[in-house]
Amino acid sequence: MATETPPPSKTQVPLPSREEFVRVQDSEEFVRLRRSYRSFAFPLTVAFVVWYLLYVLLSNYAGGFMGTRLFGNVNVALVLGLAQFLTTFLIAWWYARHAAAKLDPAAKAIKSRMEGDA
């Protein structure tokens, strides 16, 4: 069957030593990779948590505002609740683009060197 996975390779790739891992972790390239990840992920995580907590707090303590009808049976709470889903998907899409453009190539280069392919 064409969808079966191929058998595992017979050749074993030797694992890097602890010293090699430490050397790579201390390298400028790894520091840049980690900085790129953190400078993207941490601010967006904080922003999304604040945005989520704002929604929860408004729902609990600003019922009059959240119940304000915008049109028909659509109120502020519904629009902000749907915006939570929208921002979740937008952040996931944005992170996937960031990872594909900046994180994955750098991680692949480090991995390749660690495995001895470079």
N, C-alpha and C. Protein backbone atom coordinates (compact mmCIF):
# COMPACT_ATOMS: atom_id res chain seq x y z
N MET A 1 0.85 -1.18 0.00
CA MET A 1 0.00 0.00 0.00
C MET A 1 0.89 1.24 0.00
N ALA A 2 0.54 2.24 -0.75
CA ALA A 2 1.37 3.42 -0.94
C ALA A 2 1.38 4.35 0.27
N THR A 3 0.42 4.23 1.17
CA THR A 3 0.36 5.16 2.31
C THR A 3 1.12 4.64 3.53
N GLU A 4 1.73 3.48 3.43
CA GLU A 4 2.47 2.95 4.56
C GLU A 4 3.78 3.72 4.73
N THR A 5 4.22 3.83 5.97
CA THR A 5 5.47 4.52 6.23
C THR A 5 6.63 3.60 5.89
N PRO A 6 7.73 4.18 5.42
CA PRO A 6 8.89 3.35 5.08
C PRO A 6 9.50 2.77 6.36
N PRO A 7 10.22 1.66 6.22
CA PRO A 7 10.85 1.08 7.41
C PRO A 7 11.92 2.03 7.95
N PRO A 8 12.20 1.95 9.24
CA PRO A 8 13.22 2.84 9.81
C PRO A 8 14.59 2.56 9.23
N SER A 9 15.40 3.59 9.21
CA SER A 9 16.75 3.47 8.66
C SER A 9 17.58 2.53 9.52
N LYS A 10 18.43 1.74 8.88
CA LYS A 10 19.29 0.80 9.60
C LYS A 10 20.49 1.51 10.23
N THR A 11 20.86 2.66 9.66
CA THR A 11 22.03 3.37 10.19
C THR A 11 21.59 4.25 11.35
N GLN A 12 22.32 4.17 12.44
CA GLN A 12 22.03 4.99 13.61
C GLN A 12 22.87 6.26 13.56
N VAL A 13 22.22 7.38 13.75
CA VAL A 13 22.93 8.66 13.82
C VAL A 13 23.37 8.83 15.27
N PRO A 14 24.67 9.02 15.50
CA PRO A 14 25.10 9.18 16.90
C PRO A 14 24.53 10.46 17.50
N LEU A 15 24.09 10.35 18.74
CA LEU A 15 23.54 11.51 19.41
C LEU A 15 24.66 12.45 19.83
N PRO A 16 24.42 13.75 19.76
CA PRO A 16 25.43 14.71 20.22
C PRO A 16 25.68 14.55 21.72
N SER A 17 26.86 14.89 22.13
CA SER A 17 27.19 14.80 23.55
C SER A 17 26.61 15.98 24.30
N ARG A 18 26.65 15.88 25.61
CA ARG A 18 26.16 16.97 26.45
C ARG A 18 26.94 18.25 26.16
N GLU A 19 28.24 18.14 25.97
CA GLU A 19 29.07 19.31 25.70
C GLU A 19 28.68 19.98 24.38
N GLU A 20 28.33 19.15 23.39
CA GLU A 20 27.91 19.71 22.10
C GLU A 20 26.59 20.47 22.25
N PHE A 21 25.67 19.91 23.03
CA PHE A 21 24.41 20.62 23.28
C PHE A 21 24.65 21.95 23.98
N VAL A 22 25.52 21.94 24.98
CA VAL A 22 25.82 23.18 25.71
C VAL A 22 26.49 24.19 24.80
N ARG A 23 27.41 23.73 23.95
CA ARG A 23 28.10 24.63 23.02
C ARG A 23 27.11 25.27 22.05
N VAL A 24 26.18 24.46 21.54
CA VAL A 24 25.18 25.01 20.61
C VAL A 24 24.25 25.97 21.35
N GLN A 25 23.86 25.61 22.56
CA GLN A 25 22.97 26.47 23.33
C GLN A 25 23.63 27.82 23.62
N ASP A 26 24.93 27.85 23.78
CA ASP A 26 25.64 29.10 24.04
C ASP A 26 26.01 29.86 22.77
N SER A 27 25.78 29.25 21.61
CA SER A 27 26.18 29.89 20.35
C SER A 27 25.30 31.10 20.05
N GLU A 28 25.86 32.04 19.30
CA GLU A 28 25.14 33.26 18.92
C GLU A 28 23.92 32.92 18.05
N GLU A 29 24.05 31.92 17.19
CA GLU A 29 22.94 31.53 16.32
C GLU A 29 21.74 31.04 17.13
N PHE A 30 22.00 30.23 18.15
CA PHE A 30 20.91 29.72 18.99
C PHE A 30 20.30 30.85 19.82
N VAL A 31 21.15 31.75 20.30
CA VAL A 31 20.66 32.91 21.06
C VAL A 31 19.74 33.75 20.18
N ARG A 32 20.12 33.96 18.91
CA ARG A 32 19.26 34.72 17.99
C ARG A 32 17.93 33.99 17.75
N LEU A 33 18.00 32.66 17.60
CA LEU A 33 16.79 31.87 17.40
C LEU A 33 15.85 32.00 18.60
N ARG A 34 16.39 31.84 19.77
CA ARG A 34 15.59 31.94 20.99
C ARG A 34 15.02 33.35 21.15
N ARG A 35 15.82 34.37 20.85
CA ARG A 35 15.35 35.76 20.95
C ARG A 35 14.22 36.02 19.94
N SER A 36 14.37 35.50 18.75
CA SER A 36 13.34 35.68 17.73
C SER A 36 12.02 35.04 18.17
N TYR A 37 12.11 33.86 18.75
CA TYR A 37 10.91 33.18 19.24
C TYR A 37 10.28 33.98 20.37
N ARG A 38 11.10 34.32 21.36
CA ARG A 38 10.57 35.00 22.54
C ARG A 38 10.03 36.39 22.23
N SER A 39 10.69 37.11 21.33
CA SER A 39 10.22 38.46 21.01
C SER A 39 8.90 38.43 20.26
N PHE A 40 8.57 37.30 19.67
CA PHE A 40 7.29 37.16 19.00
C PHE A 40 6.24 36.57 19.94
N ALA A 41 6.56 35.46 20.57
CA ALA A 41 5.57 34.71 21.34
C ALA A 41 5.17 35.39 22.64
N PHE A 42 6.10 35.90 23.39
CA PHE A 42 5.76 36.46 24.70
C PHE A 42 4.86 37.69 24.61
N PRO A 43 5.19 38.69 23.79
CA PRO A 43 4.29 39.86 23.73
C PRO A 43 2.88 39.50 23.21
N LEU A 44 2.81 38.61 22.23
CA LEU A 44 1.49 38.23 21.73
C LEU A 44 0.71 37.44 22.77
N THR A 45 1.38 36.61 23.53
CA THR A 45 0.71 35.85 24.58
C THR A 45 0.16 36.80 25.63
N VAL A 46 0.98 37.75 26.07
CA VAL A 46 0.52 38.72 27.07
C VAL A 46 -0.65 39.55 26.51
N ALA A 47 -0.52 40.00 25.29
CA ALA A 47 -1.59 40.80 24.68
C ALA A 47 -2.89 40.01 24.59
N PHE A 48 -2.81 38.74 24.20
CA PHE A 48 -4.02 37.95 24.07
C PHE A 48 -4.64 37.67 25.43
N VAL A 49 -3.82 37.38 26.45
CA VAL A 49 -4.36 37.13 27.79
C VAL A 49 -5.04 38.39 28.32
N VAL A 50 -4.43 39.55 28.11
CA VAL A 50 -5.05 40.81 28.54
C VAL A 50 -6.37 41.01 27.82
N TRP A 51 -6.38 40.77 26.51
CA TRP A 51 -7.59 40.92 25.71
C TRP A 51 -8.68 39.97 26.20
N TYR A 52 -8.31 38.72 26.51
CA TYR A 52 -9.27 37.74 27.02
C TYR A 52 -9.81 38.17 28.38
N LEU A 53 -8.90 38.58 29.30
CA LEU A 53 -9.35 38.99 30.62
C LEU A 53 -10.21 40.24 30.57
N LEU A 54 -9.91 41.14 29.64
CA LEU A 54 -10.76 42.32 29.45
C LEU A 54 -12.17 41.89 29.08
N TYR A 55 -12.29 40.93 28.19
CA TYR A 55 -13.60 40.43 27.79
C TYR A 55 -14.33 39.82 28.98
N VAL A 56 -13.62 39.02 29.77
CA VAL A 56 -14.24 38.39 30.94
C VAL A 56 -14.67 39.45 31.95
N LEU A 57 -13.79 40.41 32.21
CA LEU A 57 -14.13 41.46 33.17
C LEU A 57 -15.31 42.31 32.69
N LEU A 58 -15.31 42.64 31.41
CA LEU A 58 -16.44 43.40 30.88
C LEU A 58 -17.73 42.59 30.99
N SER A 59 -17.64 41.29 30.74
CA SER A 59 -18.83 40.44 30.84
C SER A 59 -19.37 40.40 32.26
N ASN A 60 -18.45 40.41 33.24
CA ASN A 60 -18.88 40.32 34.64
C ASN A 60 -19.32 41.65 35.22
N TYR A 61 -18.62 42.72 34.87
CA TYR A 61 -18.84 43.99 35.57
C TYR A 61 -19.42 45.10 34.71
N ALA A 62 -19.54 44.90 33.43
CA ALA A 62 -20.11 45.94 32.57
C ALA A 62 -21.23 45.36 31.72
N GLY A 63 -22.19 44.77 32.42
CA GLY A 63 -23.32 44.12 31.73
C GLY A 63 -24.10 45.06 30.84
N GLY A 64 -24.28 46.28 31.30
CA GLY A 64 -25.02 47.25 30.49
C GLY A 64 -24.32 47.54 29.17
N PHE A 65 -23.01 47.73 29.24
CA PHE A 65 -22.23 47.97 28.02
C PHE A 65 -22.25 46.76 27.11
N MET A 66 -22.01 45.58 27.70
CA MET A 66 -21.96 44.36 26.88
C MET A 66 -23.33 44.03 26.27
N GLY A 67 -24.39 44.46 26.92
CA GLY A 67 -25.73 44.20 26.41
C GLY A 67 -26.20 45.20 25.39
N THR A 68 -25.40 46.20 25.09
CA THR A 68 -25.78 47.23 24.12
C THR A 68 -25.98 46.60 22.74
N ARG A 69 -27.16 46.80 22.21
CA ARG A 69 -27.47 46.24 20.88
C ARG A 69 -26.81 47.09 19.81
N LEU A 70 -26.16 46.41 18.89
CA LEU A 70 -25.54 47.10 17.77
C LEU A 70 -26.47 47.13 16.57
N PHE A 71 -27.07 45.98 16.27
CA PHE A 71 -28.11 45.88 15.24
C PHE A 71 -28.84 44.56 15.43
N GLY A 72 -30.12 44.57 15.25
CA GLY A 72 -30.92 43.36 15.44
C GLY A 72 -30.70 42.77 16.83
N ASN A 73 -30.42 41.48 16.88
CA ASN A 73 -30.13 40.82 18.15
C ASN A 73 -28.64 40.71 18.44
N VAL A 74 -27.83 41.43 17.71
CA VAL A 74 -26.37 41.40 17.89
C VAL A 74 -25.97 42.50 18.86
N ASN A 75 -25.32 42.09 19.95
CA ASN A 75 -24.88 43.07 20.93
C ASN A 75 -23.36 43.10 21.01
N VAL A 76 -22.83 43.97 21.85
CA VAL A 76 -21.39 44.15 22.00
C VAL A 76 -20.74 42.85 22.48
N ALA A 77 -21.38 42.15 23.41
CA ALA A 77 -20.81 40.91 23.95
C ALA A 77 -20.62 39.87 22.84
N LEU A 78 -21.59 39.73 21.96
CA LEU A 78 -21.47 38.76 20.88
C LEU A 78 -20.34 39.14 19.93
N VAL A 79 -20.25 40.41 19.58
CA VAL A 79 -19.18 40.86 18.67
C VAL A 79 -17.81 40.64 19.30
N LEU A 80 -17.66 41.02 20.58
CA LEU A 80 -16.37 40.82 21.24
C LEU A 80 -16.06 39.34 21.43
N GLY A 81 -17.06 38.53 21.70
CA GLY A 81 -16.85 37.09 21.83
C GLY A 81 -16.39 36.47 20.53
N LEU A 82 -17.00 36.86 19.43
CA LEU A 82 -16.57 36.36 18.12
C LEU A 82 -15.18 36.89 17.77
N ALA A 83 -14.88 38.10 18.21
CA ALA A 83 -13.55 38.66 17.97
C ALA A 83 -12.48 37.86 18.70
N GLN A 84 -12.84 37.22 19.81
CA GLN A 84 -11.90 36.33 20.51
C GLN A 84 -11.47 35.19 19.58
N PHE A 85 -12.42 34.58 18.90
CA PHE A 85 -12.10 33.51 17.96
C PHE A 85 -11.25 34.03 16.80
N LEU A 86 -11.64 35.18 16.28
CA LEU A 86 -10.91 35.76 15.16
C LEU A 86 -9.46 36.03 15.53
N THR A 87 -9.24 36.64 16.70
CA THR A 87 -7.86 36.94 17.09
C THR A 87 -7.08 35.67 17.36
N THR A 88 -7.73 34.63 17.88
CA THR A 88 -7.04 33.35 18.08
C THR A 88 -6.52 32.82 16.75
N PHE A 89 -7.36 32.79 15.74
CA PHE A 89 -6.94 32.28 14.43
C PHE A 89 -5.91 33.20 13.77
N LEU A 90 -6.07 34.50 13.92
CA LEU A 90 -5.09 35.42 13.35
C LEU A 90 -3.71 35.26 13.99
N ILE A 91 -3.68 35.11 15.30
CA ILE A 91 -2.40 34.92 15.97
C ILE A 91 -1.76 33.60 15.55
N ALA A 92 -2.56 32.54 15.45
CA ALA A 92 -2.02 31.25 15.02
C ALA A 92 -1.47 31.33 13.60
N TRP A 93 -2.17 32.01 12.72
CA TRP A 93 -1.72 32.18 11.33
C TRP A 93 -0.44 33.00 11.28
N TRP A 94 -0.42 34.09 12.06
CA TRP A 94 0.75 34.98 12.10
C TRP A 94 1.96 34.23 12.65
N TYR A 95 1.75 33.44 13.71
CA TYR A 95 2.87 32.67 14.26
C TYR A 95 3.38 31.64 13.26
N ALA A 96 2.49 30.98 12.55
CA ALA A 96 2.91 29.98 11.56
C ALA A 96 3.76 30.64 10.47
N ARG A 97 3.39 31.82 10.04
CA ARG A 97 4.19 32.55 9.05
C ARG A 97 5.55 32.94 9.62
N HIS A 98 5.55 33.43 10.86
CA HIS A 98 6.79 33.83 11.52
C HIS A 98 7.71 32.61 11.68
N ALA A 99 7.16 31.51 12.13
CA ALA A 99 7.97 30.30 12.33
C ALA A 99 8.54 29.80 11.01
N ALA A 100 7.72 29.78 9.97
CA ALA A 100 8.18 29.28 8.67
C ALA A 100 9.27 30.18 8.09
N ALA A 101 9.16 31.47 8.32
CA ALA A 101 10.12 32.41 7.73
C ALA A 101 11.40 32.56 8.55
N LYS A 102 11.29 32.54 9.87
CA LYS A 102 12.45 32.87 10.69
C LYS A 102 12.92 31.74 11.58
N LEU A 103 12.00 31.04 12.23
CA LEU A 103 12.40 30.05 13.23
C LEU A 103 12.81 28.72 12.59
N ASP A 104 12.00 28.22 11.70
CA ASP A 104 12.26 26.90 11.12
C ASP A 104 13.59 26.82 10.36
N PRO A 105 13.92 27.79 9.50
CA PRO A 105 15.22 27.70 8.81
C PRO A 105 16.40 27.71 9.78
N ALA A 106 16.35 28.55 10.79
CA ALA A 106 17.45 28.61 11.76
C ALA A 106 17.52 27.33 12.57
N ALA A 107 16.39 26.81 12.98
CA ALA A 107 16.37 25.56 13.75
C ALA A 107 16.85 24.39 12.89
N LYS A 108 16.46 24.39 11.62
CA LYS A 108 16.90 23.31 10.73
C LYS A 108 18.41 23.35 10.52
N ALA A 109 18.98 24.55 10.41
CA ALA A 109 20.43 24.68 10.23
C ALA A 109 21.17 24.19 11.47
N ILE A 110 20.67 24.55 12.64
CA ILE A 110 21.30 24.09 13.89
C ILE A 110 21.17 22.58 14.00
N LYS A 111 20.03 22.05 13.71
CA LYS A 111 19.80 20.59 13.79
C LYS A 111 20.69 19.86 12.81
N SER A 112 20.81 20.39 11.62
CA SER A 112 21.64 19.76 10.60
C SER A 112 23.10 19.70 11.05
N ARG A 113 23.58 20.80 11.62
CA ARG A 113 24.95 20.80 12.12
C ARG A 113 25.13 19.84 13.29
N MET A 114 24.15 19.79 14.16
CA MET A 114 24.24 18.89 15.33
C MET A 114 24.27 17.43 14.89
N GLU A 115 23.56 17.13 13.83
CA GLU A 115 23.51 15.75 13.34
C GLU A 115 24.65 15.42 12.39
N GLY A 116 25.46 16.42 12.10
CA GLY A 116 26.63 16.18 11.26
C GLY A 116 26.37 16.21 9.77
N ASP A 117 25.22 16.73 9.35
CA ASP A 117 24.88 16.78 7.92
C ASP A 117 25.47 18.00 7.24
N ALA A 118 25.87 19.00 8.02
CA ALA A 118 26.34 20.26 7.40
C ALA A 118 27.83 20.23 7.18
